[in-house]
Protein backbone atom coordinates (compact mmCIF):
# COMPACT_ATOMS: atom_id res chain seq x y z
CA UNK A 1 -201.56 -169.33 -36.69
CA UNK A 2 -204.12 -167.85 -39.07
CA UNK A 3 -204.33 -164.03 -39.42
CA UNK A 4 -207.48 -162.24 -40.43
CA UNK A 5 -206.11 -159.45 -42.69
CA UNK A 6 -209.43 -157.60 -42.39
CA UNK A 7 -208.77 -156.96 -38.68
CA UNK A 8 -206.11 -154.56 -37.20
CA UNK A 9 -203.10 -156.17 -35.51
CA UNK A 10 -203.10 -155.66 -31.74
CA UNK A 11 -199.65 -154.45 -30.61
CA UNK A 12 -200.51 -154.61 -26.93
CA UNK A 13 -203.19 -151.96 -26.56
CA UNK A 14 -206.87 -151.71 -27.25
CA UNK A 15 -206.99 -149.48 -30.31
CA UNK A 16 -210.73 -149.62 -30.35
CA UNK A 17 -210.64 -147.19 -27.39
CA UNK A 18 -209.01 -144.41 -29.49
CA UNK A 19 -211.41 -141.67 -30.56
CA UNK A 20 -209.95 -140.41 -33.85
CA UNK A 21 -212.34 -137.47 -33.91
CA UNK A 22 -210.82 -135.92 -30.76
CA UNK A 23 -207.85 -133.48 -30.82
CA UNK A 24 -204.54 -134.75 -29.38
CA UNK A 25 -202.23 -132.48 -27.41
CA UNK A 26 -198.92 -133.06 -29.23
CA UNK A 27 -196.98 -130.59 -27.07
CA UNK A 28 -197.69 -132.33 -23.79
CA UNK A 29 -194.83 -134.64 -22.87
CA UNK A 30 -197.04 -136.49 -20.36
CA UNK A 31 -199.65 -137.59 -22.86
CA UNK A 32 -198.63 -141.25 -22.61
CA UNK A 33 -201.38 -143.77 -22.73
CA UNK A 34 -200.83 -147.10 -20.99
CA UNK A 35 -203.04 -148.70 -23.60
CA UNK A 36 -200.70 -147.78 -26.49
CA UNK A 37 -197.85 -150.06 -25.42
CA UNK A 38 -195.34 -147.12 -24.84
CA UNK A 39 -194.40 -145.73 -21.47
CA UNK A 40 -193.94 -142.13 -22.73
CA UNK A 41 -194.23 -140.31 -26.02
CA UNK A 42 -192.09 -137.14 -26.43
CA UNK A 43 -192.96 -134.71 -29.21
CA UNK A 44 -190.64 -132.00 -30.49
CA UNK A 45 -192.59 -128.81 -31.21
CA UNK A 46 -190.39 -128.28 -34.33
CA UNK A 47 -190.75 -131.78 -35.74
CA UNK A 48 -193.08 -130.60 -38.49
CA UNK A 49 -190.84 -127.68 -39.52
CA UNK A 50 -187.39 -127.79 -41.13
CA UNK A 51 -186.43 -124.25 -40.18
CA UNK A 52 -188.07 -123.69 -36.79
CA UNK A 53 -191.45 -123.11 -35.28
CA UNK A 54 -194.17 -122.42 -37.79
CA UNK A 55 -194.75 -118.99 -36.31
CA UNK A 56 -191.00 -118.15 -36.37
CA UNK A 57 -189.25 -120.11 -39.17
CA UNK A 58 -185.95 -118.19 -38.83
CA UNK A 59 -185.39 -118.98 -35.17
CA UNK A 60 -184.06 -122.50 -35.65
CA UNK A 61 -181.97 -121.52 -38.67
CA UNK A 62 -180.22 -118.64 -36.86
CA UNK A 63 -179.32 -120.85 -33.92
CA UNK A 64 -177.68 -123.53 -36.07
CA UNK A 65 -175.88 -121.44 -38.71
CA UNK A 66 -172.32 -122.56 -39.53
CA UNK A 67 -169.71 -119.82 -39.78
CA UNK A 68 -166.08 -119.66 -40.85
CA UNK A 69 -163.53 -118.47 -38.34
CA UNK A 70 -162.11 -115.59 -40.38
CA UNK A 71 -159.05 -115.34 -38.15
CA UNK A 72 -158.01 -118.82 -39.31
CA UNK A 73 -157.90 -117.58 -42.90
CA UNK A 74 -155.58 -114.78 -41.81
CA UNK A 75 -153.29 -117.18 -39.97
CA UNK A 76 -153.17 -119.76 -42.77
CA UNK A 77 -152.36 -117.26 -45.55
CA UNK A 78 -149.81 -115.43 -43.41
CA UNK A 79 -148.12 -118.71 -42.47
CA UNK A 80 -148.06 -120.52 -45.82
CA UNK A 81 -148.35 -117.70 -48.37
CA UNK A 82 -145.45 -116.49 -50.51
CA UNK A 83 -143.91 -113.08 -50.00
CA UNK A 84 -144.97 -111.07 -53.05
CA UNK A 85 -144.73 -107.54 -54.35
CA UNK A 86 -148.14 -106.41 -55.56
CA UNK A 87 -148.27 -103.69 -58.21
CA UNK A 88 -151.67 -102.24 -59.08
CA UNK A 89 -152.08 -101.75 -62.84
CA UNK A 90 -153.57 -98.85 -64.77
CA UNK A 91 -154.04 -98.28 -68.49
CA UNK A 92 -151.40 -95.96 -69.89
CA UNK A 93 -152.52 -92.78 -71.65
CA UNK A 94 -149.99 -93.29 -74.46
CA UNK A 95 -152.36 -95.68 -76.30
CA UNK A 96 -153.47 -94.26 -79.67
CA UNK A 97 -157.31 -94.00 -79.75
CA UNK A 98 -157.49 -94.88 -83.43
CA UNK A 99 -154.99 -97.71 -83.74
CA UNK A 100 -155.22 -98.82 -80.09
CA UNK A 101 -151.44 -99.20 -80.19
CA UNK A 102 -149.29 -98.02 -77.25
CA UNK A 103 -146.32 -95.76 -77.86
CA UNK A 104 -143.25 -98.08 -77.99
CA UNK A 105 -141.04 -95.32 -76.58
CA UNK A 106 -143.36 -94.41 -73.67
CA UNK A 107 -141.26 -93.96 -70.50
CA UNK A 108 -144.19 -95.00 -68.27
CA UNK A 109 -145.42 -98.31 -69.73
CA UNK A 110 -142.40 -98.96 -72.03
CA UNK A 111 -144.68 -99.76 -74.94
CA UNK A 112 -146.95 -102.31 -73.25
CA UNK A 113 -149.97 -100.08 -72.71
CA UNK A 114 -150.14 -101.07 -69.03
CA UNK A 115 -148.30 -99.24 -66.26
CA UNK A 116 -147.93 -100.04 -62.58
CA UNK A 117 -148.05 -98.14 -59.32
CA UNK A 118 -145.26 -98.62 -56.75
CA UNK A 119 -145.25 -102.12 -55.24
CA UNK A 120 -146.71 -103.09 -51.86
CA UNK A 121 -145.82 -106.18 -49.86
CA UNK A 122 -148.52 -108.85 -49.85
CA UNK A 123 -148.83 -112.50 -48.81
CA UNK A 124 -150.34 -114.71 -51.52
CA UNK A 125 -151.05 -118.43 -51.37
CA UNK A 126 -150.08 -119.88 -54.78
CA UNK A 127 -151.59 -123.20 -55.83
CA UNK A 128 -152.43 -125.33 -58.88
CA UNK A 129 -149.40 -124.26 -60.89
CA UNK A 130 -149.81 -125.79 -64.33
CA UNK A 131 -147.76 -126.42 -67.45
CA UNK A 132 -149.38 -127.52 -70.66
CA UNK A 133 -153.01 -127.23 -71.71
CA UNK A 134 -155.71 -129.03 -69.72
CA UNK A 135 -159.38 -128.51 -68.91
CA UNK A 136 -160.19 -127.77 -65.28
CA UNK A 137 -163.24 -126.65 -63.32
CA UNK A 138 -162.06 -123.06 -63.72
CA UNK A 139 -161.77 -123.35 -67.49
CA UNK A 140 -158.90 -123.87 -69.90
CA UNK A 141 -155.57 -123.85 -68.11
CA UNK A 142 -152.53 -123.22 -70.27
CA UNK A 143 -148.81 -122.93 -69.72
CA UNK A 144 -147.72 -120.78 -66.81
CA UNK A 145 -151.13 -120.59 -65.11
CA UNK A 146 -151.74 -120.68 -61.36
CA UNK A 147 -154.37 -119.88 -58.75
CA UNK A 148 -153.68 -117.33 -56.04
CA UNK A 149 -155.37 -116.46 -52.75
CA UNK A 150 -154.18 -113.08 -51.39
CA UNK A 151 -154.57 -111.68 -47.92
CA UNK A 152 -158.05 -110.53 -47.00
CA UNK A 153 -159.04 -106.94 -47.97
CA UNK A 154 -156.19 -106.58 -50.48
CA UNK A 155 -158.62 -105.92 -53.38
CA UNK A 156 -156.29 -107.27 -56.07
CA UNK A 157 -157.82 -106.64 -59.50
CA UNK A 158 -157.47 -107.36 -63.21
CA UNK A 159 -154.05 -106.80 -64.83
CA UNK A 160 -152.27 -106.33 -61.49
CA UNK A 161 -148.80 -107.82 -61.28
CA UNK A 162 -147.53 -110.10 -58.52
CA UNK A 163 -143.74 -110.52 -58.24
CA UNK A 164 -142.29 -113.33 -56.12
CA UNK A 165 -138.70 -112.33 -55.26
CA UNK A 166 -137.93 -115.68 -53.61
CA UNK A 167 -138.63 -117.66 -56.79
CA UNK A 168 -136.53 -117.40 -59.96
CA UNK A 169 -136.87 -119.09 -63.32
CA UNK A 170 -134.84 -119.19 -66.54
CA UNK A 171 -135.98 -117.14 -69.54
CA UNK A 172 -134.50 -116.88 -73.04
CA UNK A 173 -134.37 -113.56 -74.87
CA UNK A 174 -132.95 -112.34 -78.20
CA UNK A 175 -132.68 -108.93 -79.86
CA UNK A 176 -130.77 -107.19 -82.62
CA UNK A 177 -128.52 -104.14 -82.36
CA UNK A 178 -129.42 -100.86 -84.04
CA UNK A 179 -127.91 -97.40 -83.63
CA UNK A 180 -130.32 -96.36 -80.87
CA UNK A 181 -129.67 -99.50 -78.82
CA UNK A 182 -125.95 -99.14 -79.38
CA UNK A 183 -126.07 -95.58 -78.02
CA UNK A 184 -128.67 -95.84 -75.25
CA UNK A 185 -128.96 -99.54 -74.54
CA UNK A 186 -132.04 -101.77 -74.46
CA UNK A 187 -134.52 -102.07 -71.61
CA UNK A 188 -135.06 -105.72 -70.72
CA UNK A 189 -138.70 -106.43 -69.80
CA UNK A 190 -137.76 -108.79 -66.95
CA UNK A 191 -136.42 -108.43 -63.43
CA UNK A 192 -133.02 -110.03 -64.09
CA UNK A 193 -131.12 -111.69 -61.25
CA UNK A 194 -128.30 -113.27 -63.22
CA UNK A 195 -127.01 -113.61 -66.78
CA UNK A 196 -126.45 -117.31 -67.39
CA UNK A 197 -125.40 -116.95 -71.03
CA UNK A 198 -124.98 -113.95 -73.36
CA UNK A 199 -123.62 -114.52 -76.87
CA UNK A 200 -123.50 -112.98 -80.31
CA UNK A 201 -123.08 -116.39 -81.91
CA UNK A 202 -119.29 -116.12 -82.20
CA UNK A 203 -118.30 -115.91 -78.57
CA UNK A 204 -119.63 -115.69 -75.04
CA UNK A 205 -120.01 -112.12 -73.78
CA UNK A 206 -118.71 -111.12 -70.36
CA UNK A 207 -120.65 -108.81 -68.03
CA UNK A 208 -118.96 -105.46 -67.28
CA UNK A 209 -116.53 -106.15 -70.13
CA UNK A 210 -118.66 -106.70 -73.20
CA UNK A 211 -121.90 -105.35 -71.73
CA UNK A 212 -123.29 -103.71 -68.61
CA UNK A 213 -126.63 -103.97 -66.89
CA UNK A 214 -128.40 -101.28 -64.85
CA UNK A 215 -130.55 -103.40 -62.52
CA UNK A 216 -132.58 -100.47 -61.21
CA UNK A 217 -133.68 -99.32 -64.68
CA UNK A 218 -133.28 -102.73 -66.40
CA UNK A 219 -131.00 -101.29 -69.14
CA UNK A 220 -128.71 -103.66 -71.05
CA UNK A 221 -125.83 -101.64 -72.62
CA UNK A 222 -123.33 -102.80 -75.25
CA UNK A 223 -119.68 -102.04 -74.34
CA UNK A 224 -117.51 -104.13 -76.72
CA UNK A 225 -116.40 -102.44 -79.96
CA UNK A 226 -116.76 -105.62 -82.01
CA UNK A 227 -120.52 -105.77 -81.31
CA UNK A 228 -121.93 -103.76 -84.20
CA UNK A 229 -125.23 -102.77 -85.79
CA UNK A 230 -127.13 -105.70 -87.29
CA UNK A 231 -125.79 -108.34 -84.92
CA UNK A 232 -128.14 -110.47 -82.84
CA UNK A 233 -127.61 -110.90 -79.10
CA UNK A 234 -129.04 -114.00 -77.47
CA UNK A 235 -129.20 -114.64 -73.73
CA UNK A 236 -130.43 -116.98 -71.04
CA UNK A 237 -131.29 -115.07 -67.91
CA UNK A 238 -132.47 -115.92 -64.42
CA UNK A 239 -135.48 -113.72 -63.65
CA UNK A 240 -138.01 -113.13 -60.90
CA UNK A 241 -141.23 -115.11 -61.24
CA UNK A 242 -143.98 -112.60 -61.99
CA UNK A 243 -147.67 -113.24 -62.57
CA UNK A 244 -150.38 -111.10 -64.15
CA UNK A 245 -153.95 -111.32 -62.83
CA UNK A 246 -156.05 -112.38 -65.82
CA UNK A 247 -159.31 -113.11 -63.98
CA UNK A 248 -161.01 -112.93 -60.58
CA UNK A 249 -162.56 -116.35 -60.08
CA UNK A 250 -163.94 -115.39 -56.67
CA UNK A 251 -164.12 -111.63 -56.27
CA UNK A 252 -166.72 -110.90 -53.56
CA UNK A 253 -166.72 -113.73 -51.08
CA UNK A 254 -168.17 -112.64 -47.75
CA UNK A 255 -169.84 -113.73 -44.53
CA UNK A 256 -172.28 -112.12 -42.11
CA UNK A 257 -170.73 -113.13 -38.79
CA UNK A 258 -173.20 -113.56 -35.91
CA UNK A 259 -171.04 -115.41 -33.40
CA UNK A 260 -169.90 -113.27 -30.46
CA UNK A 261 -172.12 -110.45 -31.67
CA UNK A 262 -175.08 -108.89 -29.76
CA UNK A 263 -178.47 -110.39 -30.53
CA UNK A 264 -179.96 -109.07 -33.74
CA UNK A 265 -176.63 -107.80 -35.13
CA UNK A 266 -174.10 -109.22 -37.59
CA UNK A 267 -170.67 -108.17 -38.83
CA UNK A 268 -169.91 -108.09 -42.55
CA UNK A 269 -166.59 -109.89 -43.11
CA UNK A 270 -164.84 -110.07 -46.45
CA UNK A 271 -163.20 -113.35 -47.32
CA UNK A 272 -160.13 -113.96 -49.53
CA UNK A 273 -160.32 -113.56 -53.30
CA UNK A 274 -159.40 -116.35 -55.71
CA UNK A 275 -157.22 -115.11 -58.58
CA UNK A 276 -156.39 -116.68 -61.92
CA UNK A 277 -152.74 -115.87 -62.65
CA UNK A 278 -150.57 -116.22 -65.73
CA UNK A 279 -146.83 -115.75 -66.10
CA UNK A 280 -145.98 -112.40 -67.62
CA UNK A 281 -143.86 -113.90 -70.41
CA UNK A 282 -147.14 -114.89 -72.09
CA UNK A 283 -147.34 -111.23 -73.23
CA UNK A 284 -143.71 -110.12 -73.23
CA UNK A 285 -142.42 -112.74 -75.62
CA UNK A 286 -138.81 -113.78 -76.07
CA UNK A 287 -137.62 -111.42 -78.82
CA UNK A 288 -137.25 -107.72 -79.58
CA UNK A 289 -136.27 -107.18 -83.20
CA UNK A 290 -136.26 -103.68 -84.65
CA UNK A 291 -137.69 -104.99 -87.93
CA UNK A 292 -140.99 -105.75 -86.14
CA UNK A 293 -143.56 -103.11 -86.96
CA UNK A 294 -144.49 -102.16 -83.41
CA UNK A 295 -146.62 -99.21 -84.49
CA UNK A 296 -149.21 -101.56 -86.00
CA UNK A 297 -149.46 -103.76 -82.92
CA UNK A 298 -152.64 -103.24 -80.90
CA UNK A 299 -152.83 -103.07 -77.15
CA UNK A 300 -152.68 -106.64 -75.82
CA UNK A 301 -154.96 -106.75 -72.78
CA UNK A 302 -154.13 -109.64 -70.41
CA UNK A 303 -157.61 -109.52 -68.87
CA UNK A 304 -159.53 -112.64 -69.87
CA UNK A 305 -162.43 -111.70 -72.14
CA UNK A 306 -165.86 -113.20 -72.68
CA UNK A 307 -166.72 -115.37 -75.68
CA UNK A 308 -170.10 -114.14 -76.93
CA UNK A 309 -170.66 -117.26 -79.05
CA UNK A 310 -172.24 -118.83 -75.95
CA UNK A 311 -174.37 -115.77 -75.15
CA UNK A 312 -171.89 -114.55 -72.55
CA UNK A 313 -171.44 -117.85 -70.71
CA UNK A 314 -168.11 -118.83 -72.28
CA UNK A 315 -164.60 -117.58 -71.75
CA UNK A 316 -162.29 -116.61 -74.57
CA UNK A 317 -159.02 -118.38 -73.81
CA UNK A 318 -157.26 -117.53 -77.07
CA UNK A 319 -154.36 -115.57 -75.67
């Protein structure tokens, strides 16, 4: 069959009868024409608008908005989160304004420059626990780093400490004996559960015979007469896992909830934060020698700082 490409193809109707200069009623569902080859043509009044009618573009969007069920966040964190003790941090006033060094004998911060308010119970979902350095979407992850999602409305902030009593890990620590430590003892910077090994290099030391430990005040006290000034004491201890909040990856997540609300109203709901956590031993260290010049040490802030080499868009991960 030969087709004349200069002529329109007839699909079953007489298209020569269509007057293109006349206005069609696109909203009338009964505007079918038996000469078009279709029984009925149905037009959606919103088909030319992605957000609703042209005179009310928000109407369609408001009716199809997707919302989170905030109660499910509560249930999930409460069910799967770890029991933690949350201590809100504050900067100690013992820090010297000129040297920026904290007082090593401060009874409040114990020479760290950061003190903590009494602990509150809090459920926190811990995830992405890492060891070793690797690059992730959240930046450079180094040893002892994790992500944490606390209960909603907790308002956990920078430098806060999260202790997980149900989880213990092994930490090594060494110090030397001077006259002050021999008389008053040494405060251990960890929450110690058990002494796995304590030695002076010559023999293994026995708790409550060669040394004592005040768990409430974290004071390690020498008891044996053969442990004298100048000796080093090394120990392996089982301690509570504790994290420091170094960054708030998601600080102000929220939702305007419209479901089950009267027309024209919405409820502002806060959603859980996302915390970047690091084990506290990143700042404590594993030694406490009296020969170290602590007075010249500046305040070591665990809060992750900005790297200005990228005009404020990079993170300084040199801890």
